Amino acid sequence: MFATWTGESGRDYPHISYDLKTCPAVAAANYVLVRRQASGDRVVLRIGCVENDSPTLNLAELRMRGARLGANEVHLYLLADGAFSRRRVMEDLETARENDLARALGFSA
């Protein structure tokens, strides 16, 4: 399954979504940890990137973080070219999330 997340820049980032329990080992990538509600609504719990050389260590990190936060899905963005690009994607998505939250609370972003 796919999910598209939009950054503050307006750029869309297509992610492959997995159930947290069945997510495969993954090379360095961006992620969004999500709690999908029974209603189908998605709640973003964390945006980040995994940078280990070992795909199994990245998977272990995703599962550990996801379990601690109560995530049941992980959305992976695999198209960033290198660590610098992954950081830019993460910051773009996180800024959009923070500004959406501020607007929802009645603050201007």
PDB file of N, CA and C in Angstrom:
ATOM      1  N   MET A   1       0.847  -1.159   0.000  1.00  0.00           N
ATOM      2  CA  MET A   1       0.000   0.000   0.000  1.00  0.00           C
ATOM      3  C   MET A   1       0.906   1.240   0.000  1.00  0.00           C
ATOM      4  N   PHE A   2       0.398   2.307  -0.548  1.00  0.00           N
ATOM      5  CA  PHE A   2       1.150   3.549  -0.613  1.00  0.00           C
ATOM      6  C   PHE A   2       0.430   4.652   0.156  1.00  0.00           C
ATOM      7  N   ALA A   3       1.208   5.581   0.672  1.00  0.00           N
ATOM      8  CA  ALA A   3       0.682   6.783   1.320  1.00  0.00           C
ATOM      9  C   ALA A   3       1.555   7.936   0.857  1.00  0.00           C
ATOM     10  N   THR A   4       0.936   9.065   0.601  1.00  0.00           N
ATOM     11  CA  THR A   4       1.697  10.248   0.211  1.00  0.00           C
ATOM     12  C   THR A   4       1.620  11.271   1.327  1.00  0.00           C
ATOM     13  N   TRP A   5       2.773  11.733   1.747  1.00  0.00           N
ATOM     14  CA  TRP A   5       2.860  12.763   2.773  1.00  0.00           C
ATOM     15  C   TRP A   5       3.416  14.013   2.105  1.00  0.00           C
ATOM     16  N   THR A   6       2.852  15.167   2.454  1.00  0.00           N
ATOM     17  CA  THR A   6       3.244  16.430   1.840  1.00  0.00           C
ATOM     18  C   THR A   6       4.041  17.261   2.826  1.00  0.00           C
ATOM     19  N   GLY A   7       5.197  17.738   2.377  1.00  0.00           N
ATOM     20  CA  GLY A   7       6.048  18.576   3.208  1.00  0.00           C
ATOM     21  C   GLY A   7       5.586  20.015   3.215  1.00  0.00           C
ATOM     22  N   GLU A   8       6.178  20.811   4.077  1.00  0.00           N
ATOM     23  CA  GLU A   8       5.856  22.234   4.153  1.00  0.00           C
ATOM     24  C   GLU A   8       6.183  22.939   2.841  1.00  0.00           C
ATOM     25  N   SER A   9       7.140  22.393   2.093  1.00  0.00           N
ATOM     26  CA  SER A   9       7.523  22.955   0.799  1.00  0.00           C
ATOM     27  C   SER A   9       6.452  22.752  -0.264  1.00  0.00           C
ATOM     28  N   GLY A  10       5.482  21.881   0.028  1.00  0.00           N
ATOM     29  CA  GLY A  10       4.461  21.524  -0.955  1.00  0.00           C
ATOM     30  C   GLY A  10       4.822  20.285  -1.748  1.00  0.00           C
ATOM     31  N   ARG A  11       6.006  19.769  -1.525  1.00  0.00           N
ATOM     32  CA  ARG A  11       6.454  18.569  -2.229  1.00  0.00           C
ATOM     33  C   ARG A  11       5.785  17.334  -1.636  1.00  0.00           C
ATOM     34  N   ASP A  12       5.337  16.433  -2.522  1.00  0.00           N
ATOM     35  CA  ASP A  12       4.749  15.165  -2.095  1.00  0.00           C
ATOM     36  C   ASP A  12       5.825  14.094  -2.028  1.00  0.00           C
ATOM     37  N   TYR A  13       5.755  13.287  -0.970  1.00  0.00           N
ATOM     38  CA  TYR A  13       6.701  12.200  -0.753  1.00  0.00           C
ATOM     39  C   TYR A  13       5.928  10.883  -0.694  1.00  0.00           C
ATOM     40  N   PRO A  14       5.998  10.072  -1.750  1.00  0.00           N
ATOM     41  CA  PRO A  14       5.286   8.785  -1.732  1.00  0.00           C
ATOM     42  C   PRO A  14       6.008   7.777  -0.834  1.00  0.00           C
ATOM     43  N   HIS A  15       5.273   7.221   0.090  1.00  0.00           N
ATOM     44  CA  HIS A  15       5.792   6.237   1.036  1.00  0.00           C
ATOM     45  C   HIS A  15       5.135   4.879   0.788  1.00  0.00           C
ATOM     46  N   ILE A  16       5.883   3.839   1.013  1.00  0.00           N
ATOM     47  CA  ILE A  16       5.321   2.483   1.036  1.00  0.00           C
ATOM     48  C   ILE A  16       4.913   2.223   2.481  1.00  0.00           C
ATOM     49  N   SER A  17       3.685   1.792   2.698  1.00  0.00           N
ATOM     50  CA  SER A  17       3.228   1.573   4.070  1.00  0.00           C
ATOM     51  C   SER A  17       3.165   0.081   4.374  1.00  0.00           C
ATOM     52  N   TYR A  18       3.578  -0.240   5.590  1.00  0.00           N
ATOM     53  CA  TYR A  18       3.597  -1.617   6.087  1.00  0.00           C
ATOM     54  C   TYR A  18       2.976  -1.657   7.469  1.00  0.00           C
ATOM     55  N   ASP A  19       2.415  -2.789   7.802  1.00  0.00           N
ATOM     56  CA  ASP A  19       2.079  -3.072   9.185  1.00  0.00           C
ATOM     57  C   ASP A  19       3.401  -3.146   9.937  1.00  0.00           C
ATOM     58  N   LEU A  20       3.470  -2.585  11.128  1.00  0.00           N
ATOM     59  CA  LEU A  20       4.719  -2.554  11.871  1.00  0.00           C
ATOM     60  C   LEU A  20       5.294  -3.952  12.086  1.00  0.00           C
ATOM     61  N   LYS A  21       4.428  -4.931  12.281  1.00  0.00           N
ATOM     62  CA  LYS A  21       4.889  -6.300  12.549  1.00  0.00           C
ATOM     63  C   LYS A  21       5.432  -7.001  11.317  1.00  0.00           C
ATOM     64  N   THR A  22       5.018  -6.595  10.123  1.00  0.00           N
ATOM     65  CA  THR A  22       5.443  -7.296   8.905  1.00  0.00           C
ATOM     66  C   THR A  22       6.378  -6.464   8.032  1.00  0.00           C
ATOM     67  N   CYS A  23       6.823  -5.326   8.539  1.00  0.00           N
ATOM     68  CA  CYS A  23       7.746  -4.483   7.787  1.00  0.00           C
ATOM     69  C   CYS A  23       9.043  -5.259   7.526  1.00  0.00           C
ATOM     70  N   PRO A  24       9.550  -5.215   6.306  1.00  0.00           N
ATOM     71  CA  PRO A  24      10.806  -5.914   6.016  1.00  0.00           C
ATOM     72  C   PRO A  24      12.013  -5.101   6.495  1.00  0.00           C
ATOM     73  N   ALA A  25      13.160  -5.761   6.552  1.00  0.00           N
ATOM     74  CA  ALA A  25      14.410  -5.050   6.825  1.00  0.00           C
ATOM     75  C   ALA A  25      14.604  -4.018   5.724  1.00  0.00           C
ATOM     76  N   VAL A  26      15.171  -2.867   6.080  1.00  0.00           N
ATOM     77  CA  VAL A  26      15.243  -1.760   5.134  1.00  0.00           C
ATOM     78  C   VAL A  26      16.595  -1.062   5.238  1.00  0.00           C
ATOM     79  N   ALA A  27      17.122  -0.675   4.087  1.00  0.00           N
ATOM     80  CA  ALA A  27      18.336   0.142   4.064  1.00  0.00           C
ATOM     81  C   ALA A  27      17.988   1.519   4.618  1.00  0.00           C
ATOM     82  N   ALA A  28      18.954   2.396   4.692  1.00  0.00           N
ATOM     83  CA  ALA A  28      18.716   3.755   5.189  1.00  0.00           C
ATOM     84  C   ALA A  28      17.516   4.362   4.467  1.00  0.00           C
ATOM     85  N   ALA A  29      16.599   4.959   5.242  1.00  0.00           N
ATOM     86  CA  ALA A  29      15.349   5.466   4.668  1.00  0.00           C
ATOM     87  C   ALA A  29      14.696   6.465   5.617  1.00  0.00           C
ATOM     88  N   ASN A  30      13.765   7.237   5.073  1.00  0.00           N
ATOM     89  CA  ASN A  30      12.882   8.074   5.891  1.00  0.00           C
ATOM     90  C   ASN A  30      11.699   7.236   6.329  1.00  0.00           C
ATOM     91  N   TYR A  31      11.118   7.606   7.472  1.00  0.00           N
ATOM     92  CA  TYR A  31       9.939   6.888   7.937  1.00  0.00           C
ATOM     93  C   TYR A  31       8.947   7.835   8.598  1.00  0.00           C
ATOM     94  N   VAL A  32       7.711   7.394   8.594  1.00  0.00           N
ATOM     95  CA  VAL A  32       6.647   8.013   9.387  1.00  0.00           C
ATOM     96  C   VAL A  32       6.018   6.874  10.176  1.00  0.00           C
ATOM     97  N   LEU A  33       6.058   6.971  11.499  1.00  0.00           N
ATOM     98  CA  LEU A  33       5.384   5.984  12.345  1.00  0.00           C
ATOM     99  C   LEU A  33       3.965   6.470  12.577  1.00  0.00           C
ATOM    100  N   VAL A  34       3.012   5.585  12.335  1.00  0.00           N
ATOM    101  CA  VAL A  34       1.600   5.952  12.288  1.00  0.00           C
ATOM    102  C   VAL A  34       0.784   5.014  13.171  1.00  0.00           C
ATOM    103  N   ARG A  35      -0.210   5.595  13.817  1.00  0.00           N
ATOM    104  CA  ARG A  35      -1.234   4.796  14.504  1.00  0.00           C
ATOM    105  C   ARG A  35      -2.500   4.932  13.675  1.00  0.00           C
ATOM    106  N   ARG A  36      -2.867   3.850  12.986  1.00  0.00           N
ATOM    107  CA  ARG A  36      -4.114   3.862  12.217  1.00  0.00           C
ATOM    108  C   ARG A  36      -5.241   3.498  13.167  1.00  0.00           C
ATOM    109  N   GLN A  37      -6.218   4.404  13.263  1.00  0.00           N
ATOM    110  CA  GLN A  37      -7.361   4.222  14.139  1.00  0.00           C
ATOM    111  C   GLN A  37      -8.367   3.271  13.487  1.00  0.00           C
ATOM    112  N   ALA A  38      -9.284   2.738  14.272  1.00  0.00           N
ATOM    113  CA  ALA A  38     -10.336   1.861  13.751  1.00  0.00           C
ATOM    114  C   ALA A  38     -11.162   2.581  12.683  1.00  0.00           C
ATOM    115  N   SER A  39     -11.269   3.907  12.798  1.00  0.00           N
ATOM    116  CA  SER A  39     -12.026   4.700  11.826  1.00  0.00           C
ATOM    117  C   SER A  39     -11.301   4.842  10.491  1.00  0.00           C
ATOM    118  N   GLY A  40     -10.022   4.449  10.473  1.00  0.00           N
ATOM    119  CA  GLY A  40      -9.209   4.617   9.262  1.00  0.00           C
ATOM    120  C   GLY A  40      -8.354   5.861   9.300  1.00  0.00           C
ATOM    121  N   ASP A  41      -8.616   6.743  10.268  1.00  0.00           N
ATOM    122  CA  ASP A  41      -7.802   7.949  10.411  1.00  0.00           C
ATOM    123  C   ASP A  41      -6.378   7.566  10.798  1.00  0.00           C
ATOM    124  N   ARG A  42      -5.423   8.343  10.305  1.00  0.00           N
ATOM    125  CA  ARG A  42      -4.019   8.121  10.624  1.00  0.00           C
ATOM    126  C   ARG A  42      -3.534   9.213  11.572  1.00  0.00           C
ATOM    127  N   VAL A  43      -2.830   8.793  12.613  1.00  0.00           N
ATOM    128  CA  VAL A  43      -2.222   9.721  13.544  1.00  0.00           C
ATOM    129  C   VAL A  43      -0.711   9.557  13.426  1.00  0.00           C
ATOM    130  N   VAL A  44      -0.028  10.636  13.046  1.00  0.00           N
ATOM    131  CA  VAL A  44       1.429  10.595  12.935  1.00  0.00           C
ATOM    132  C   VAL A  44       2.024  10.668  14.335  1.00  0.00           C
ATOM    133  N   LEU A  45       2.864   9.702  14.651  1.00  0.00           N
ATOM    134  CA  LEU A  45       3.492   9.649  15.966  1.00  0.00           C
ATOM    135  C   LEU A  45       4.944  10.116  15.935  1.00  0.00           C
ATOM    136  N   ARG A  46       5.616   9.883  14.833  1.00  0.00           N
ATOM    137  CA  ARG A  46       7.026  10.286  14.715  1.00  0.00           C
ATOM    138  C   ARG A  46       7.427  10.286  13.253  1.00  0.00           C
ATOM    139  N   ILE A  47       8.253  11.255  12.897  1.00  0.00           N
ATOM    140  CA  ILE A  47       8.858  11.346  11.576  1.00  0.00           C
ATOM    141  C   ILE A  47      10.364  11.297  11.788  1.00  0.00           C
ATOM    142  N   GLY A  48      11.044  10.495  10.998  1.00  0.00           N
ATOM    143  CA  GLY A  48      12.488  10.400  11.187  1.00  0.00           C
ATOM    144  C   GLY A  48      13.162   9.672  10.050  1.00  0.00           C
ATOM    145  N   CYS A  49      14.393   9.251  10.310  1.00  0.00           N
ATOM    146  CA  CYS A  49      15.105   8.416   9.348  1.00  0.00           C
ATOM    147  C   CYS A  49      15.986   7.427  10.093  1.00  0.00           C
ATOM    148  N   VAL A  50      16.179   6.303   9.475  1.00  0.00           N
ATOM    149  CA  VAL A  50      17.093   5.288   9.985  1.00  0.00           C
ATOM    150  C   VAL A  50      18.325   5.313   9.087  1.00  0.00           C
ATOM    151  N   GLU A  51      19.489   5.225   9.696  1.00  0.00           N
ATOM    152  CA  GLU A  51      20.742   5.438   8.967  1.00  0.00           C
ATOM    153  C   GLU A  51      21.761   4.313   9.136  1.00  0.00           C
ATOM    154  N   ASN A  52      21.381   3.208   9.772  1.00  0.00           N
ATOM    155  CA  ASN A  52      22.341   2.133   9.991  1.00  0.00           C
ATOM    156  C   ASN A  52      22.746   1.481   8.675  1.00  0.00           C
ATOM    157  N   ASP A  53      23.971   0.969   8.623  1.00  0.00           N
ATOM    158  CA  ASP A  53      24.438   0.231   7.445  1.00  0.00           C
ATOM    159  C   ASP A  53      23.741  -1.117   7.321  1.00  0.00           C
ATOM    160  N   SER A  54      23.250  -1.625   8.434  1.00  0.00           N
ATOM    161  CA  SER A  54      22.596  -2.926   8.458  1.00  0.00           C
ATOM    162  C   SER A  54      21.074  -2.775   8.376  1.00  0.00           C
ATOM    163  N   PRO A  55      20.444  -3.318   7.343  1.00  0.00           N
ATOM    164  CA  PRO A  55      18.985  -3.248   7.235  1.00  0.00           C
ATOM    165  C   PRO A  55      18.260  -3.852   8.436  1.00  0.00           C
ATOM    166  N   THR A  56      18.818  -4.910   9.026  1.00  0.00           N
ATOM    167  CA  THR A  56      18.141  -5.513  10.175  1.00  0.00           C
ATOM    168  C   THR A  56      18.203  -4.612  11.404  1.00  0.00           C
ATOM    169  N   LEU A  57      19.277  -3.840  11.557  1.00  0.00           N
ATOM    170  CA  LEU A  57      19.332  -2.873  12.654  1.00  0.00           C
ATOM    171  C   LEU A  57      18.317  -1.754  12.443  1.00  0.00           C
ATOM    172  N   ASN A  58      18.138  -1.321  11.195  1.00  0.00           N
ATOM    173  CA  ASN A  58      17.120  -0.309  10.902  1.00  0.00           C
ATOM    174  C   ASN A  58      15.737  -0.830  11.242  1.00  0.00           C
ATOM    175  N   LEU A  59      15.466  -2.076  10.879  1.00  0.00           N
ATOM    176  CA  LEU A  59      14.169  -2.675  11.193  1.00  0.00           C
ATOM    177  C   LEU A  59      13.970  -2.757  12.702  1.00  0.00           C
ATOM    178  N   ALA A  60      14.998  -3.176  13.429  1.00  0.00           N
ATOM    179  CA  ALA A  60      14.888  -3.261  14.889  1.00  0.00           C
ATOM    180  C   ALA A  60      14.601  -1.885  15.494  1.00  0.00           C
ATOM    181  N   GLU A  61      15.260  -0.849  14.969  1.00  0.00           N
ATOM    182  CA  GLU A  61      15.022   0.510  15.461  1.00  0.00           C
ATOM    183  C   GLU A  61      13.587   0.953  15.190  1.00  0.00           C
ATOM    184  N   LEU A  62      13.097   0.684  13.979  1.00  0.00           N
ATOM    185  CA  LEU A  62      11.716   1.052  13.638  1.00  0.00           C
ATOM    186  C   LEU A  62      10.714   0.350  14.537  1.00  0.00           C
ATOM    187  N   ARG A  63      10.899  -0.942  14.738  1.00  0.00           N
ATOM    188  CA  ARG A  63       9.957  -1.702  15.576  1.00  0.00           C
ATOM    189  C   ARG A  63      10.002  -1.250  17.028  1.00  0.00           C
ATOM    190  N   MET A  64      11.208  -0.970  17.536  1.00  0.00           N
ATOM    191  CA  MET A  64      11.333  -0.523  18.920  1.00  0.00           C
ATOM    192  C   MET A  64      10.651   0.832  19.105  1.00  0.00           C
ATOM    193  N   ARG A  65      10.966   1.793  18.230  1.00  0.00           N
ATOM    194  CA  ARG A  65      10.348   3.119  18.333  1.00  0.00           C
ATOM    195  C   ARG A  65       8.831   3.018  18.161  1.00  0.00           C
ATOM    196  N   GLY A  66       8.414   2.242  17.172  1.00  0.00           N
ATOM    197  CA  GLY A  66       6.984   2.087  16.912  1.00  0.00           C
ATOM    198  C   GLY A  66       6.251   1.477  18.086  1.00  0.00           C
ATOM    199  N   ALA A  67       6.819   0.441  18.662  1.00  0.00           N
ATOM    200  CA  ALA A  67       6.175  -0.217  19.803  1.00  0.00           C
ATOM    201  C   ALA A  67       6.073   0.736  20.991  1.00  0.00           C
ATOM    202  N   ARG A  68       7.115   1.494  21.250  1.00  0.00           N
ATOM    203  CA  ARG A  68       7.096   2.435  22.380  1.00  0.00           C
ATOM    204  C   ARG A  68       6.039   3.520  22.203  1.00  0.00           C
ATOM    205  N   LEU A  69       5.806   3.922  20.953  1.00  0.00           N
ATOM    206  CA  LEU A  69       4.856   5.006  20.688  1.00  0.00           C
ATOM    207  C   LEU A  69       3.430   4.522  20.459  1.00  0.00           C
ATOM    208  N   GLY A  70       3.252   3.212  20.250  1.00  0.00           N
ATOM    209  CA  GLY A  70       1.925   2.684  19.966  1.00  0.00           C
ATOM    210  C   GLY A  70       1.575   2.703  18.487  1.00  0.00           C
ATOM    211  N   ALA A  71       2.596   2.719  17.631  1.00  0.00           N
ATOM    212  CA  ALA A  71       2.356   2.700  16.186  1.00  0.00           C
ATOM    213  C   ALA A  71       1.925   1.307  15.741  1.00  0.00           C
ATOM    214  N   ASN A  72       1.132   1.254  14.691  1.00  0.00           N
ATOM    215  CA  ASN A  72       0.806  -0.031  14.089  1.00  0.00           C
ATOM    216  C   ASN A  72       1.145  -0.043  12.596  1.00  0.00           C
ATOM    217  N   GLU A  73       1.654   1.075  12.091  1.00  0.00           N
ATOM    218  CA  GLU A  73       2.116   1.149  10.709  1.00  0.00           C
ATOM    219  C   GLU A  73       3.430   1.909  10.647  1.00  0.00           C
ATOM    220  N   VAL A  74       4.226   1.559   9.653  1.00  0.00           N
ATOM    221  CA  VAL A  74       5.422   2.331   9.335  1.00  0.00           C
ATOM    222  C   VAL A  74       5.355   2.650   7.847  1.00  0.00           C
ATOM    223  N   HIS A  75       5.560   3.913   7.516  1.00  0.00           N
ATOM    224  CA  HIS A  75       5.539   4.366   6.130  1.00  0.00           C
ATOM    225  C   HIS A  75       6.975   4.743   5.760  1.00  0.00           C
ATOM    226  N   LEU A  76       7.494   4.129   4.699  1.00  0.00           N
ATOM    227  CA  LEU A  76       8.891   4.307   4.315  1.00  0.00           C
ATOM    228  C   LEU A  76       9.022   5.089   3.018  1.00  0.00           C
ATOM    229  N   TYR A  77       9.902   6.072   3.037  1.00  0.00           N
ATOM    230  CA  TYR A  77      10.248   6.835   1.835  1.00  0.00           C
ATOM    231  C   TYR A  77      11.665   6.422   1.462  1.00  0.00           C
ATOM    232  N   LEU A  78      11.809   5.824   0.289  1.00  0.00           N
ATOM    233  CA  LEU A  78      13.078   5.223  -0.123  1.00  0.00           C
ATOM    234  C   LEU A  78      13.772   5.981  -1.249  1.00  0.00           C
ATOM    235  N   LEU A  79      13.274   7.154  -1.608  1.00  0.00           N
ATOM    236  CA  LEU A  79      13.780   7.849  -2.788  1.00  0.00           C
ATOM    237  C   LEU A  79      14.804   8.944  -2.490  1.00  0.00           C
ATOM    238  N   ALA A  80      15.099   9.212  -1.236  1.00  0.00           N
ATOM    239  CA  ALA A  80      16.110  10.228  -0.912  1.00  0.00           C
ATOM    240  C   ALA A  80      17.486   9.683  -1.261  1.00  0.00           C
ATOM    241  N   ASP A  81      18.305  10.550  -1.817  1.00  0.00           N
ATOM    242  CA  ASP A  81      19.635  10.155  -2.269  1.00  0.00           C
ATOM    243  C   ASP A  81      20.680  10.599  -1.250  1.00  0.00           C
ATOM    244  N   GLY A  82      20.928   9.761  -0.262  1.00  0.00           N
ATOM    245  CA  GLY A  82      21.953  10.048   0.729  1.00  0.00           C
ATOM    246  C   GLY A  82      21.418  10.650   2.009  1.00  0.00           C
ATOM    247  N   ALA A  83      22.302  10.716   3.004  1.00  0.00           N
ATOM    248  CA  ALA A  83      21.932  11.170   4.343  1.00  0.00           C
ATOM    249  C   ALA A  83      21.456  12.621   4.352  1.00  0.00           C
ATOM    250  N   PHE A  84      22.111  13.500   3.616  1.00  0.00           N
ATOM    251  CA  PHE A  84      21.709  14.905   3.577  1.00  0.00           C
ATOM    252  C   PHE A  84      20.294  15.039   3.032  1.00  0.00           C
ATOM    253  N   SER A  85      19.986  14.327   1.958  1.00  0.00           N
ATOM    254  CA  SER A  85      18.634  14.372   1.376  1.00  0.00           C
ATOM    255  C   SER A  85      17.598  13.814   2.339  1.00  0.00           C
ATOM    256  N   ARG A  86      17.939  12.741   3.044  1.00  0.00           N
ATOM    257  CA  ARG A  86      17.002  12.189   4.026  1.00  0.00           C
ATOM    258  C   ARG A  86      16.707  13.208   5.124  1.00  0.00           C
ATOM    259  N   ARG A  87      17.708  13.932   5.573  1.00  0.00           N
ATOM    260  CA  ARG A  87      17.502  14.963   6.604  1.00  0.00           C
ATOM    261  C   ARG A  87      16.589  16.072   6.081  1.00  0.00           C
ATOM    262  N   ARG A  88      16.783  16.480   4.840  1.00  0.00           N
ATOM    263  CA  ARG A  88      15.939  17.530   4.257  1.00  0.00           C
ATOM    264  C   ARG A  88      14.490  17.070   4.162  1.00  0.00           C
ATOM    265  N   VAL A  89      14.281  15.820   3.733  1.00  0.00           N
ATOM    266  CA  VAL A  89      12.915  15.274   3.650  1.00  0.00           C
ATOM    267  C   VAL A  89      12.293  15.239   5.037  1.00  0.00           C
ATOM    268  N   MET A  90      13.043  14.751   6.023  1.00  0.00           N
ATOM    269  CA  MET A  90      12.535  14.657   7.393  1.00  0.00           C
ATOM    270  C   MET A  90      12.149  16.042   7.910  1.00  0.00           C
ATOM    271  N   GLU A  91      12.989  17.028   7.702  1.00  0.00           N
ATOM    272  CA  GLU A  91      12.695  18.380   8.177  1.00  0.00           C
ATOM    273  C   GLU A  91      11.489  18.978   7.464  1.00  0.00           C
ATOM    274  N   ASP A  92      11.359  18.731   6.162  1.00  0.00           N
ATOM    275  CA  ASP A  92      10.213  19.237   5.403  1.00  0.00           C
ATOM    276  C   ASP A  92       8.910  18.645   5.946  1.00  0.00           C
ATOM    277  N   LEU A  93       8.904  17.336   6.163  1.00  0.00           N
ATOM    278  CA  LEU A  93       7.704  16.671   6.674  1.00  0.00           C
ATOM    279  C   LEU A  93       7.404  17.087   8.117  1.00  0.00           C
ATOM    280  N   GLU A  94       8.429  17.181   8.935  1.00  0.00           N
ATOM    281  CA  GLU A  94       8.221  17.554  10.338  1.00  0.00           C
ATOM    282  C   GLU A  94       7.724  18.991  10.452  1.00  0.00           C
ATOM    283  N   THR A  95       8.240  19.892   9.637  1.00  0.00           N
ATOM    284  CA  THR A  95       7.777  21.282   9.660  1.00  0.00           C
ATOM    285  C   THR A  95       6.306  21.352   9.263  1.00  0.00           C
ATOM    286  N   ALA A  96       5.914  20.587   8.253  1.00  0.00           N
ATOM    287  CA  ALA A  96       4.508  20.557   7.844  1.00  0.00           C
ATOM    288  C   ALA A  96       3.632  20.050   8.984  1.00  0.00           C
ATOM    289  N   ARG A  97       4.082  19.022   9.658  1.00  0.00           N
ATOM    290  CA  ARG A  97       3.317  18.457  10.781  1.00  0.00           C
ATOM    291  C   ARG A  97       3.173  19.474  11.901  1.00  0.00           C
ATOM    292  N   GLU A  98       4.260  20.146  12.261  1.00  0.00           N
ATOM    293  CA  GLU A  98       4.210  21.146  13.327  1.00  0.00           C
ATOM    294  C   GLU A  98       3.294  22.312  12.960  1.00  0.00           C
ATOM    295  N   ASN A  99       3.370  22.758  11.721  1.00  0.00           N
ATOM    296  CA  ASN A  99       2.526  23.879  11.304  1.00  0.00           C
ATOM    297  C   ASN A  99       1.056  23.466  11.226  1.00  0.00           C
ATOM    298  N   ASP A 100       0.771  22.236  10.804  1.00  0.00           N
ATOM    299  CA  ASP A 100      -0.609  21.755  10.804  1.00  0.00           C
ATOM    300  C   ASP A 100      -1.170  21.721  12.227  1.00  0.00           C
ATOM    301  N   LEU A 101      -0.368  21.281  13.159  1.00  0.00           N
ATOM    302  CA  LEU A 101      -0.787  21.236  14.562  1.00  0.00           C
ATOM    303  C   LEU A 101      -1.029  22.650  15.089  1.00  0.00           C
ATOM    304  N   ALA A 102      -0.130  23.570  14.772  1.00  0.00           N
ATOM    305  CA  ALA A 102      -0.300  24.950  15.220  1.00  0.00           C
ATOM    306  C   ALA A 102      -1.585  25.554  14.673  1.00  0.00           C
ATOM    307  N   ARG A 103      -1.864  25.307  13.396  1.00  0.00           N
ATOM    308  CA  ARG A 103      -3.108  25.827  12.790  1.00  0.00           C
ATOM    309  C   ARG A 103      -4.329  25.206  13.455  1.00  0.00           C
ATOM    310  N   ALA A 104      -4.259  23.907  13.752  1.00  0.00           N
ATOM    311  CA  ALA A 104      -5.390  23.229  14.394  1.00  0.00           C
ATOM    312  C   ALA A 104      -5.656  23.799  15.784  1.00  0.00           C
ATOM    313  N   LEU A 105      -4.608  24.282  16.428  1.00  0.00           N
ATOM    314  CA  LEU A 105      -4.754  24.868  17.770  1.00  0.00           C
ATOM    315  C   LEU A 105      -5.076  26.358  17.723  1.00  0.00           C
ATOM    316  N   GLY A 106      -5.172  26.911  16.517  1.00  0.00           N
ATOM    317  CA  GLY A 106      -5.554  28.309  16.376  1.00  0.00           C
ATOM    318  C   GLY A 106      -4.406  29.284  16.325  1.00  0.00           C
ATOM    319  N   PHE A 107      -3.183  28.766  16.189  1.00  0.00           N
ATOM    320  CA  PHE A 107      -2.016  29.642  16.073  1.00  0.00           C
ATOM    321  C   PHE A 107      -1.676  29.809  14.602  1.00  0.00           C
ATOM    322  N   SER A 108      -1.146  30.966  14.254  1.00  0.00           N
ATOM    323  CA  SER A 108      -0.719  31.134  12.853  1.00  0.00           C
ATOM    324  C   SER A 108       0.665  30.516  12.711  1.00  0.00           C
ATOM    325  N   ALA A 109       0.844  29.812  11.624  1.00  0.00           N
ATOM    326  CA  ALA A 109       2.117  29.131  11.396  1.00  0.00           C
ATOM    327  C   ALA A 109       2.990  29.931  10.455  1.00  0.00           C
TER     328      ALA A 109
END
